[in-house]
Each structure stands twice: as C-alpha cells, then as structure tokens.
Amino acid sequence: MNQERLLKVLVAPHISEKATVIGERNNQVIFKVLADATKPEVKRAVESLFEVRVKAVNMVNIKGKRKRLGRTPGRRSDLRKAYVTLMPGDEIDFAGGAD
C-alpha cells in the first residue's frame, strides 16, 4: 500500500459529544475519511500515524442534507466516517492534555 495514500485517507478526527461518549465507553475513535477509503487502508493509516493497535474498523456513509440559502436550493457534502476500535490499553489523545 502506498505510504502517500495512507497519509491522505484520514481527513480529520470527528469531535462531538456523541464521539466523546462512544470513545470513553467503547475505546473507539471516529475519523472523517475519504469517500473511497477502505477498512484495511484506515486500519493501516491509524496504526502507522498514531502508533496504536487497531482491533476493528466500522464505516458509515452519511448523505448530505438538503439546505436552502434564501431562494437558492443547495446540498451539503456527503460524509464517510470510520469508527476505529482500539485494542485495550491503547488510546489516542487529540486534546493533548497539559502534563
């Protein structure tokens, strides 16, 4: 697998209240990923970038909502999220808490 491709697969961490609760309860981290990303690509990308062991990866496709700005109809972009379950004892800290 191409190293350059692995660096582009993860777009951003998905930070929300729901993501925080899931993360604490199930030892999972949620990422926004490319629309054509696969589970093995996401697993390799997370393991290489964050130096953690990945237990499982679940993918979710979310269709963009239809919105309007005045009279002009529009649509938000589609989104693909990856729910990455980490092995017990491993964790990823995006907050970078002060030591």
PDB file of N, CA and C in Angstrom:
ATOM      1  N   MET A   1       0.851  -1.187   0.000  1.00  0.00           N
ATOM      2  CA  MET A   1       0.000   0.000   0.000  1.00  0.00           C
ATOM      3  C   MET A   1       0.889   1.241   0.000  1.00  0.00           C
ATOM      4  N   ASN A   2       0.522   2.220  -0.773  1.00  0.00           N
ATOM      5  CA  ASN A   2       1.284   3.438  -0.950  1.00  0.00           C
ATOM      6  C   ASN A   2       1.257   4.287   0.324  1.00  0.00           C
ATOM      7  N   GLN A   3       2.445   4.695   0.805  1.00  0.00           N
ATOM      8  CA  GLN A   3       2.541   5.493   2.035  1.00  0.00           C
ATOM      9  C   GLN A   3       1.859   6.846   1.861  1.00  0.00           C
ATOM     10  N   GLU A   4       1.970   7.429   0.675  1.00  0.00           N
ATOM     11  CA  GLU A   4       1.345   8.722   0.412  1.00  0.00           C
ATOM     12  C   GLU A   4      -0.183   8.618   0.494  1.00  0.00           C
ATOM     13  N   ARG A   5      -0.730   7.524  -0.008  1.00  0.00           N
ATOM     14  CA  ARG A   5      -2.178   7.295   0.057  1.00  0.00           C
ATOM     15  C   ARG A   5      -2.633   7.182   1.513  1.00  0.00           C
ATOM     16  N   LEU A   6      -1.847   6.481   2.346  1.00  0.00           N
ATOM     17  CA  LEU A   6      -2.220   6.314   3.757  1.00  0.00           C
ATOM     18  C   LEU A   6      -2.280   7.656   4.491  1.00  0.00           C
ATOM     19  N   LEU A   7      -1.420   8.584   4.098  1.00  0.00           N
ATOM     20  CA  LEU A   7      -1.424   9.898   4.746  1.00  0.00           C
ATOM     21  C   LEU A   7      -2.661  10.716   4.373  1.00  0.00           C
ATOM     22  N   LYS A   8      -3.274  10.400   3.222  1.00  0.00           N
ATOM     23  CA  LYS A   8      -4.438  11.158   2.762  1.00  0.00           C
ATOM     24  C   LYS A   8      -5.768  10.530   3.160  1.00  0.00           C
ATOM     25  N   VAL A   9      -5.761   9.264   3.595  1.00  0.00           N
ATOM     26  CA  VAL A   9      -7.012   8.548   3.900  1.00  0.00           C
ATOM     27  C   VAL A   9      -7.766   9.211   5.042  1.00  0.00           C
ATOM     28  N   LEU A  10      -7.079   9.552   6.124  1.00  0.00           N
ATOM     29  CA  LEU A  10      -7.721  10.203   7.272  1.00  0.00           C
ATOM     30  C   LEU A  10      -7.809  11.693   7.009  1.00  0.00           C
ATOM     31  N   VAL A  11      -9.030  12.215   6.919  1.00  0.00           N
ATOM     32  CA  VAL A  11      -9.224  13.631   6.645  1.00  0.00           C
ATOM     33  C   VAL A  11      -9.124  14.431   7.940  1.00  0.00           C
ATOM     34  N   ALA A  12      -9.861  14.000   8.974  1.00  0.00           N
ATOM     35  CA  ALA A  12      -9.872  14.727  10.245  1.00  0.00           C
ATOM     36  C   ALA A  12     -10.525  13.866  11.314  1.00  0.00           C
ATOM     37  N   PRO A  13     -10.193  14.113  12.576  1.00  0.00           N
ATOM     38  CA  PRO A  13     -10.958  13.443  13.633  1.00  0.00           C
ATOM     39  C   PRO A  13     -12.344  14.068  13.725  1.00  0.00           C
ATOM     40  N   HIS A  14     -13.337  13.257  14.040  1.00  0.00           N
ATOM     41  CA  HIS A  14     -14.705  13.760  14.198  1.00  0.00           C
ATOM     42  C   HIS A  14     -14.934  13.964  15.690  1.00  0.00           C
ATOM     43  N   ILE A  15     -14.958  15.221  16.114  1.00  0.00           N
ATOM     44  CA  ILE A  15     -15.091  15.551  17.529  1.00  0.00           C
ATOM     45  C   ILE A  15     -16.500  16.069  17.781  1.00  0.00           C
ATOM     46  N   SER A  16     -17.245  15.365  18.622  1.00  0.00           N
ATOM     47  CA  SER A  16     -18.589  15.783  19.010  1.00  0.00           C
ATOM     48  C   SER A  16     -18.892  15.154  20.373  1.00  0.00           C
ATOM     49  N   GLU A  17     -20.026  15.515  20.939  1.00  0.00           N
ATOM     50  CA  GLU A  17     -20.402  14.914  22.225  1.00  0.00           C
ATOM     51  C   GLU A  17     -20.602  13.412  22.075  1.00  0.00           C
ATOM     52  N   LYS A  18     -21.284  13.015  21.009  1.00  0.00           N
ATOM     53  CA  LYS A  18     -21.535  11.599  20.771  1.00  0.00           C
ATOM     54  C   LYS A  18     -20.209  10.850  20.583  1.00  0.00           C
ATOM     55  N   ALA A  19     -19.292  11.427  19.831  1.00  0.00           N
ATOM     56  CA  ALA A  19     -17.992  10.782  19.598  1.00  0.00           C
ATOM     57  C   ALA A  19     -17.216  10.630  20.905  1.00  0.00           C
ATOM     58  N   THR A  20     -17.319  11.610  21.781  1.00  0.00           N
ATOM     59  CA  THR A  20     -16.631  11.543  23.067  1.00  0.00           C
ATOM     60  C   THR A  20     -17.207  10.438  23.944  1.00  0.00           C
ATOM     61  N   VAL A  21     -18.522  10.337  23.996  1.00  0.00           N
ATOM     62  CA  VAL A  21     -19.171   9.293  24.800  1.00  0.00           C
ATOM     63  C   VAL A  21     -18.811   7.910  24.265  1.00  0.00           C
ATOM     64  N   ILE A  22     -18.881   7.739  22.944  1.00  0.00           N
ATOM     65  CA  ILE A  22     -18.530   6.452  22.336  1.00  0.00           C
ATOM     66  C   ILE A  22     -17.079   6.115  22.606  1.00  0.00           C
ATOM     67  N   GLY A  23     -16.219   7.107  22.504  1.00  0.00           N
ATOM     68  CA  GLY A  23     -14.800   6.891  22.737  1.00  0.00           C
ATOM     69  C   GLY A  23     -14.491   6.421  24.145  1.00  0.00           C
ATOM     70  N   GLU A  24     -15.149   7.021  25.113  1.00  0.00           N
ATOM     71  CA  GLU A  24     -14.917   6.629  26.501  1.00  0.00           C
ATOM     72  C   GLU A  24     -15.507   5.261  26.810  1.00  0.00           C
ATOM     73  N   ARG A  25     -16.672   4.969  26.253  1.00  0.00           N
ATOM     74  CA  ARG A  25     -17.380   3.735  26.567  1.00  0.00           C
ATOM     75  C   ARG A  25     -16.775   2.516  25.861  1.00  0.00           C
ATOM     76  N   ASN A  26     -16.434   2.658  24.571  1.00  0.00           N
ATOM     77  CA  ASN A  26     -16.033   1.507  23.761  1.00  0.00           C
ATOM     78  C   ASN A  26     -14.581   1.528  23.307  1.00  0.00           C
ATOM     79  N   ASN A  27     -13.786   2.471  23.796  1.00  0.00           N
ATOM     80  CA  ASN A  27     -12.393   2.621  23.369  1.00  0.00           C
ATOM     81  C   ASN A  27     -12.322   2.779  21.850  1.00  0.00           C
ATOM     82  N   GLN A  28     -13.174   3.684  21.315  1.00  0.00           N
ATOM     83  CA  GLN A  28     -13.220   3.942  19.885  1.00  0.00           C
ATOM     84  C   GLN A  28     -12.853   5.392  19.594  1.00  0.00           C
ATOM     85  N   VAL A  29     -12.361   5.611  18.362  1.00  0.00           N
ATOM     86  CA  VAL A  29     -12.065   6.951  17.869  1.00  0.00           C
ATOM     87  C   VAL A  29     -12.766   7.071  16.523  1.00  0.00           C
ATOM     88  N   ILE A  30     -13.348   8.244  16.238  1.00  0.00           N
ATOM     89  CA  ILE A  30     -14.084   8.439  14.997  1.00  0.00           C
ATOM     90  C   ILE A  30     -13.316   9.420  14.114  1.00  0.00           C
ATOM     91  N   PHE A  31     -13.130   9.031  12.850  1.00  0.00           N
ATOM     92  CA  PHE A  31     -12.429   9.862  11.882  1.00  0.00           C
ATOM     93  C   PHE A  31     -13.310  10.122  10.679  1.00  0.00           C
ATOM     94  N   LYS A  32     -13.184  11.323  10.088  1.00  0.00           N
ATOM     95  CA  LYS A  32     -13.740  11.579   8.768  1.00  0.00           C
ATOM     96  C   LYS A  32     -12.691  11.059   7.793  1.00  0.00           C
ATOM     97  N   VAL A  33     -13.132  10.274   6.801  1.00  0.00           N
ATOM     98  CA  VAL A  33     -12.193   9.666   5.861  1.00  0.00           C
ATOM     99  C   VAL A  33     -12.619   9.970   4.425  1.00  0.00           C
ATOM    100  N   LEU A  34     -11.735   9.668   3.473  1.00  0.00           N
ATOM    101  CA  LEU A  34     -12.053   9.848   2.062  1.00  0.00           C
ATOM    102  C   LEU A  34     -13.234   8.975   1.667  1.00  0.00           C
ATOM    103  N   ALA A  35     -13.969   9.404   0.658  1.00  0.00           N
ATOM    104  CA  ALA A  35     -15.165   8.675   0.228  1.00  0.00           C
ATOM    105  C   ALA A  35     -14.848   7.285  -0.299  1.00  0.00           C
ATOM    106  N   ASP A  36     -13.645   7.076  -0.832  1.00  0.00           N
ATOM    107  CA  ASP A  36     -13.295   5.774  -1.386  1.00  0.00           C
ATOM    108  C   ASP A  36     -12.341   4.984  -0.492  1.00  0.00           C
ATOM    109  N   ALA A  37     -12.218   5.390   0.763  1.00  0.00           N
ATOM    110  CA  ALA A  37     -11.328   4.698   1.702  1.00  0.00           C
ATOM    111  C   ALA A  37     -11.900   3.333   2.073  1.00  0.00           C
ATOM    112  N   THR A  38     -11.020   2.356   2.282  1.00  0.00           N
ATOM    113  CA  THR A  38     -11.434   1.018   2.681  1.00  0.00           C
ATOM    114  C   THR A  38     -11.019   0.761   4.126  1.00  0.00           C
ATOM    115  N   LYS A  39     -11.613  -0.277   4.727  1.00  0.00           N
ATOM    116  CA  LYS A  39     -11.286  -0.618   6.110  1.00  0.00           C
ATOM    117  C   LYS A  39      -9.799  -0.932   6.297  1.00  0.00           C
ATOM    118  N   PRO A  40      -9.187  -1.759   5.431  1.00  0.00           N
ATOM    119  CA  PRO A  40      -7.753  -2.031   5.618  1.00  0.00           C
ATOM    120  C   PRO A  40      -6.881  -0.781   5.494  1.00  0.00           C
ATOM    121  N   GLU A  41      -7.246   0.142   4.602  1.00  0.00           N
ATOM    122  CA  GLU A  41      -6.488   1.392   4.470  1.00  0.00           C
ATOM    123  C   GLU A  41      -6.585   2.223   5.740  1.00  0.00           C
ATOM    124  N   VAL A  42      -7.786   2.326   6.293  1.00  0.00           N
ATOM    125  CA  VAL A  42      -7.978   3.112   7.518  1.00  0.00           C
ATOM    126  C   VAL A  42      -7.196   2.475   8.666  1.00  0.00           C
ATOM    127  N   LYS A  43      -7.249   1.161   8.770  1.00  0.00           N
ATOM    128  CA  LYS A  43      -6.532   0.459   9.837  1.00  0.00           C
ATOM    129  C   LYS A  43      -5.031   0.725   9.745  1.00  0.00           C
ATOM    130  N   ARG A  44      -4.467   0.574   8.557  1.00  0.00           N
ATOM    131  CA  ARG A  44      -3.028   0.810   8.385  1.00  0.00           C
ATOM    132  C   ARG A  44      -2.658   2.265   8.646  1.00  0.00           C
ATOM    133  N   ALA A  45      -3.506   3.191   8.202  1.00  0.00           N
ATOM    134  CA  ALA A  45      -3.226   4.614   8.397  1.00  0.00           C
ATOM    135  C   ALA A  45      -3.204   4.970   9.882  1.00  0.00           C
ATOM    136  N   VAL A  46      -4.187   4.491  10.637  1.00  0.00           N
ATOM    137  CA  VAL A  46      -4.251   4.796  12.075  1.00  0.00           C
ATOM    138  C   VAL A  46      -3.071   4.161  12.800  1.00  0.00           C
ATOM    139  N   GLU A  47      -2.763   2.907  12.474  1.00  0.00           N
ATOM    140  CA  GLU A  47      -1.647   2.225  13.146  1.00  0.00           C
ATOM    141  C   GLU A  47      -0.313   2.897  12.850  1.00  0.00           C
ATOM    142  N   SER A  48      -0.115   3.373  11.630  1.00  0.00           N
ATOM    143  CA  SER A  48       1.168   3.991  11.302  1.00  0.00           C
ATOM    144  C   SER A  48       1.284   5.421  11.820  1.00  0.00           C
ATOM    145  N   LEU A  49       0.190   6.189  11.767  1.00  0.00           N
ATOM    146  CA  LEU A  49       0.261   7.586  12.197  1.00  0.00           C
ATOM    147  C   LEU A  49       0.274   7.754  13.719  1.00  0.00           C
ATOM    148  N   PHE A  50      -0.518   6.946  14.433  1.00  0.00           N
ATOM    149  CA  PHE A  50      -0.673   7.140  15.868  1.00  0.00           C
ATOM    150  C   PHE A  50       0.032   6.086  16.709  1.00  0.00           C
ATOM    151  N   GLU A  51       0.639   5.077  16.056  1.00  0.00           N
ATOM    152  CA  GLU A  51       1.388   4.013  16.743  1.00  0.00           C
ATOM    153  C   GLU A  51       0.543   3.328  17.812  1.00  0.00           C
ATOM    154  N   VAL A  52      -0.656   2.911  17.411  1.00  0.00           N
ATOM    155  CA  VAL A  52      -1.563   2.148  18.266  1.00  0.00           C
ATOM    156  C   VAL A  52      -1.957   0.885  17.524  1.00  0.00           C
ATOM    157  N   ARG A  53      -2.554  -0.063  18.245  1.00  0.00           N
ATOM    158  CA  ARG A  53      -3.054  -1.290  17.618  1.00  0.00           C
ATOM    159  C   ARG A  53      -4.555  -1.154  17.431  1.00  0.00           C
ATOM    160  N   VAL A  54      -5.028  -1.505  16.242  1.00  0.00           N
ATOM    161  CA  VAL A  54      -6.452  -1.380  15.902  1.00  0.00           C
ATOM    162  C   VAL A  54      -7.094  -2.756  15.963  1.00  0.00           C
ATOM    163  N   LYS A  55      -8.209  -2.834  16.683  1.00  0.00           N
ATOM    164  CA  LYS A  55      -8.953  -4.092  16.801  1.00  0.00           C
ATOM    165  C   LYS A  55      -9.937  -4.263  15.647  1.00  0.00           C
ATOM    166  N   ALA A  56     -10.686  -3.191  15.305  1.00  0.00           N
ATOM    167  CA  ALA A  56     -11.695  -3.274  14.248  1.00  0.00           C
ATOM    168  C   ALA A  56     -11.963  -1.886  13.677  1.00  0.00           C
ATOM    169  N   VAL A  57     -12.506  -1.873  12.465  1.00  0.00           N
ATOM    170  CA  VAL A  57     -12.905  -0.630  11.804  1.00  0.00           C
ATOM    171  C   VAL A  57     -14.306  -0.814  11.236  1.00  0.00           C
ATOM    172  N   ASN A  58     -15.210   0.085  11.569  1.00  0.00           N
ATOM    173  CA  ASN A  58     -16.563   0.102  11.009  1.00  0.00           C
ATOM    174  C   ASN A  58     -16.732   1.406  10.242  1.00  0.00           C
ATOM    175  N   MET A  59     -17.366   1.329   9.066  1.00  0.00           N
ATOM    176  CA  MET A  59     -17.529   2.500   8.203  1.00  0.00           C
ATOM    177  C   MET A  59     -19.000   2.892   8.108  1.00  0.00           C
ATOM    178  N   VAL A  60     -19.244   4.204   7.999  1.00  0.00           N
ATOM    179  CA  VAL A  60     -20.595   4.733   7.877  1.00  0.00           C
ATOM    180  C   VAL A  60     -20.604   5.791   6.780  1.00  0.00           C
ATOM    181  N   ASN A  61     -21.566   5.704   5.862  1.00  0.00           N
ATOM    182  CA  ASN A  61     -21.768   6.734   4.837  1.00  0.00           C
ATOM    183  C   ASN A  61     -22.949   7.596   5.256  1.00  0.00           C
ATOM    184  N   ILE A  62     -22.760   8.913   5.246  1.00  0.00           N
ATOM    185  CA  ILE A  62     -23.820   9.845   5.628  1.00  0.00           C
ATOM    186  C   ILE A  62     -24.096  10.751   4.432  1.00  0.00           C
ATOM    187  N   LYS A  63     -25.351  10.764   3.984  1.00  0.00           N
ATOM    188  CA  LYS A  63     -25.720  11.614   2.862  1.00  0.00           C
ATOM    189  C   LYS A  63     -25.877  13.053   3.336  1.00  0.00           C
ATOM    190  N   GLY A  64     -25.454  14.001   2.503  1.00  0.00           N
ATOM    191  CA  GLY A  64     -25.550  15.416   2.834  1.00  0.00           C
ATOM    192  C   GLY A  64     -26.994  15.885   2.887  1.00  0.00           C
ATOM    193  N   LYS A  65     -27.271  16.780   3.805  1.00  0.00           N
ATOM    194  CA  LYS A  65     -28.630  17.308   3.946  1.00  0.00           C
ATOM    195  C   LYS A  65     -28.937  18.315   2.842  1.00  0.00           C
ATOM    196  N   ARG A  66     -30.207  18.394   2.490  1.00  0.00           N
ATOM    197  CA  ARG A  66     -30.658  19.427   1.547  1.00  0.00           C
ATOM    198  C   ARG A  66     -30.905  20.700   2.360  1.00  0.00           C
ATOM    199  N   LYS A  67     -30.319  21.796   1.907  1.00  0.00           N
ATOM    200  CA  LYS A  67     -30.450  23.073   2.596  1.00  0.00           C
ATOM    201  C   LYS A  67     -30.813  24.150   1.590  1.00  0.00           C
ATOM    202  N   ARG A  68     -31.216  25.299   2.116  1.00  0.00           N
ATOM    203  CA  ARG A  68     -31.543  26.441   1.277  1.00  0.00           C
ATOM    204  C   ARG A  68     -30.877  27.676   1.829  1.00  0.00           C
ATOM    205  N   LEU A  69     -30.417  28.534   0.926  1.00  0.00           N
ATOM    206  CA  LEU A  69     -29.908  29.841   1.310  1.00  0.00           C
ATOM    207  C   LEU A  69     -30.768  30.859   0.567  1.00  0.00           C
ATOM    208  N   GLY A  70     -31.779  31.371   1.258  1.00  0.00           N
ATOM    209  CA  GLY A  70     -32.751  32.229   0.595  1.00  0.00           C
ATOM    210  C   GLY A  70     -33.582  31.400  -0.360  1.00  0.00           C
ATOM    211  N   ARG A  71     -33.577  31.792  -1.647  1.00  0.00           N
ATOM    212  CA  ARG A  71     -34.333  31.042  -2.648  1.00  0.00           C
ATOM    213  C   ARG A  71     -33.491  29.968  -3.318  1.00  0.00           C
ATOM    214  N   THR A  72     -32.206  29.969  -3.050  1.00  0.00           N
ATOM    215  CA  THR A  72     -31.304  29.055  -3.741  1.00  0.00           C
ATOM    216  C   THR A  72     -31.224  27.722  -3.015  1.00  0.00           C
ATOM    217  N   PRO A  73     -31.661  26.638  -3.669  1.00  0.00           N
ATOM    218  CA  PRO A  73     -31.524  25.331  -3.031  1.00  0.00           C
ATOM    219  C   PRO A  73     -30.078  24.859  -3.105  1.00  0.00           C
ATOM    220  N   GLY A  74     -29.681  24.078  -2.123  1.00  0.00           N
ATOM    221  CA  GLY A  74     -28.317  23.553  -2.094  1.00  0.00           C
ATOM    222  C   GLY A  74     -28.287  22.227  -1.369  1.00  0.00           C
ATOM    223  N   ARG A  75     -27.096  21.702  -1.244  1.00  0.00           N
ATOM    224  CA  ARG A  75     -26.937  20.406  -0.596  1.00  0.00           C
ATOM    225  C   ARG A  75     -25.564  20.355   0.055  1.00  0.00           C
ATOM    226  N   ARG A  76     -25.503  19.878   1.279  1.00  0.00           N
ATOM    227  CA  ARG A  76     -24.221  19.697   1.946  1.00  0.00           C
ATOM    228  C   ARG A  76     -23.512  18.476   1.370  1.00  0.00           C
ATOM    229  N   SER A  77     -22.221  18.413   1.560  1.00  0.00           N
ATOM    230  CA  SER A  77     -21.428  17.311   1.021  1.00  0.00           C
ATOM    231  C   SER A  77     -21.723  16.016   1.766  1.00  0.00           C
ATOM    232  N   ASP A  78     -21.591  14.894   1.045  1.00  0.00           N
ATOM    233  CA  ASP A  78     -21.688  13.588   1.684  1.00  0.00           C
ATOM    234  C   ASP A  78     -20.465  13.392   2.572  1.00  0.00           C
ATOM    235  N   LEU A  79     -20.583  12.497   3.548  1.00  0.00           N
ATOM    236  CA  LEU A  79     -19.520  12.288   4.519  1.00  0.00           C
ATOM    237  C   LEU A  79     -19.354  10.794   4.770  1.00  0.00           C
ATOM    238  N   ARG A  80     -18.135  10.357   4.937  1.00  0.00           N
ATOM    239  CA  ARG A  80     -17.855   8.961   5.290  1.00  0.00           C
ATOM    240  C   ARG A  80     -17.049   8.993   6.577  1.00  0.00           C
ATOM    241  N   LYS A  81     -17.544   8.250   7.571  1.00  0.00           N
ATOM    242  CA  LYS A  81     -16.868   8.204   8.867  1.00  0.00           C
ATOM    243  C   LYS A  81     -16.374   6.790   9.140  1.00  0.00           C
ATOM    244  N   ALA A  82     -15.274   6.707   9.865  1.00  0.00           N
ATOM    245  CA  ALA A  82     -14.719   5.420  10.270  1.00  0.00           C
ATOM    246  C   ALA A  82     -14.704   5.371  11.799  1.00  0.00           C
ATOM    247  N   TYR A  83     -15.363   4.358  12.350  1.00  0.00           N
ATOM    248  CA  TYR A  83     -15.328   4.115  13.787  1.00  0.00           C
ATOM    249  C   TYR A  83     -14.206   3.105  14.035  1.00  0.00           C
ATOM    250  N   VAL A  84     -13.120   3.548  14.636  1.00  0.00           N
ATOM    251  CA  VAL A  84     -11.934   2.717  14.827  1.00  0.00           C
ATOM    252  C   VAL A  84     -11.893   2.254  16.278  1.00  0.00           C
ATOM    253  N   THR A  85     -11.979   0.934  16.490  1.00  0.00           N
ATOM    254  CA  THR A  85     -11.903   0.360  17.824  1.00  0.00           C
ATOM    255  C   THR A  85     -10.453   0.007  18.106  1.00  0.00           C
ATOM    256  N   LEU A  86      -9.939   0.522  19.217  1.00  0.00           N
ATOM    257  CA  LEU A  86      -8.551   0.282  19.587  1.00  0.00           C
ATOM    258  C   LEU A  86      -8.443  -0.895  20.542  1.00  0.00           C
ATOM    259  N   MET A  87      -7.281  -1.524  20.557  1.00  0.00           N
ATOM    260  CA  MET A  87      -7.017  -2.617  21.488  1.00  0.00           C
ATOM    261  C   MET A  87      -7.009  -2.073  22.918  1.00  0.00           C
ATOM    262  N   PRO A  88      -7.359  -2.903  23.897  1.00  0.00           N
ATOM    263  CA  PRO A  88      -7.321  -2.448  25.292  1.00  0.00           C
ATOM    264  C   PRO A  88      -5.918  -1.956  25.663  1.00  0.00           C
ATOM    265  N   GLY A  89      -5.872  -0.822  26.322  1.00  0.00           N
ATOM    266  CA  GLY A  89      -4.599  -0.243  26.735  1.00  0.00           C
ATOM    267  C   GLY A  89      -4.081   0.825  25.786  1.00  0.00           C
ATOM    268  N   ASP A  90      -4.581   0.862  24.540  1.00  0.00           N
ATOM    269  CA  ASP A  90      -4.158   1.872  23.578  1.00  0.00           C
ATOM    270  C   ASP A  90      -5.176   3.020  23.573  1.00  0.00           C
ATOM    271  N   GLU A  91      -4.686   4.239  23.344  1.00  0.00           N
ATOM    272  CA  GLU A  91      -5.587   5.376  23.224  1.00  0.00           C
ATOM    273  C   GLU A  91      -4.943   6.464  22.400  1.00  0.00           C
ATOM    274  N   ILE A  92      -5.787   7.302  21.797  1.00  0.00           N
ATOM    275  CA  ILE A  92      -5.341   8.453  21.023  1.00  0.00           C
ATOM    276  C   ILE A  92      -5.907   9.689  21.707  1.00  0.00           C
ATOM    277  N   ASP A  93      -5.033  10.634  22.053  1.00  0.00           N
ATOM    278  CA  ASP A  93      -5.473  11.836  22.754  1.00  0.00           C
ATOM    279  C   ASP A  93      -5.337  13.028  21.816  1.00  0.00           C
ATOM    280  N   PHE A  94      -6.469  13.542  21.317  1.00  0.00           N
ATOM    281  CA  PHE A  94      -6.445  14.688  20.428  1.00  0.00           C
ATOM    282  C   PHE A  94      -6.360  15.996  21.200  1.00  0.00           C
ATOM    283  N   ALA A  95      -6.771  15.985  22.458  1.00  0.00           N
ATOM    284  CA  ALA A  95      -6.771  17.205  23.260  1.00  0.00           C
ATOM    285  C   ALA A  95      -5.351  17.605  23.642  1.00  0.00           C
ATOM    286  N   GLY A  96      -4.443  16.640  23.708  1.00  0.00           N
ATOM    287  CA  GLY A  96      -3.059  16.958  24.067  1.00  0.00           C
ATOM    288  C   GLY A  96      -2.989  17.599  25.436  1.00  0.00           C
ATOM    289  N   GLY A  97      -3.586  16.944  26.411  1.00  0.00           N
ATOM    290  CA  GLY A  97      -3.664  17.473  27.770  1.00  0.00           C
ATOM    291  C   GLY A  97      -2.327  17.908  28.328  1.00  0.00           C
ATOM    292  N   ALA A  98      -2.340  18.983  29.105  1.00  0.00           N
ATOM    293  CA  ALA A  98      -1.115  19.518  29.707  1.00  0.00           C
ATOM    294  C   ALA A  98      -0.594  18.541  30.766  1.00  0.00           C
ATOM    295  N   ASP A  99       0.696  18.319  30.739  1.00  0.00           N
ATOM    296  CA  ASP A  99       1.312  17.408  31.710  1.00  0.00           C
ATOM    297  C   ASP A  99       1.851  18.145  32.900  1.00  0.00           C
TER     298      ASP A  99
END
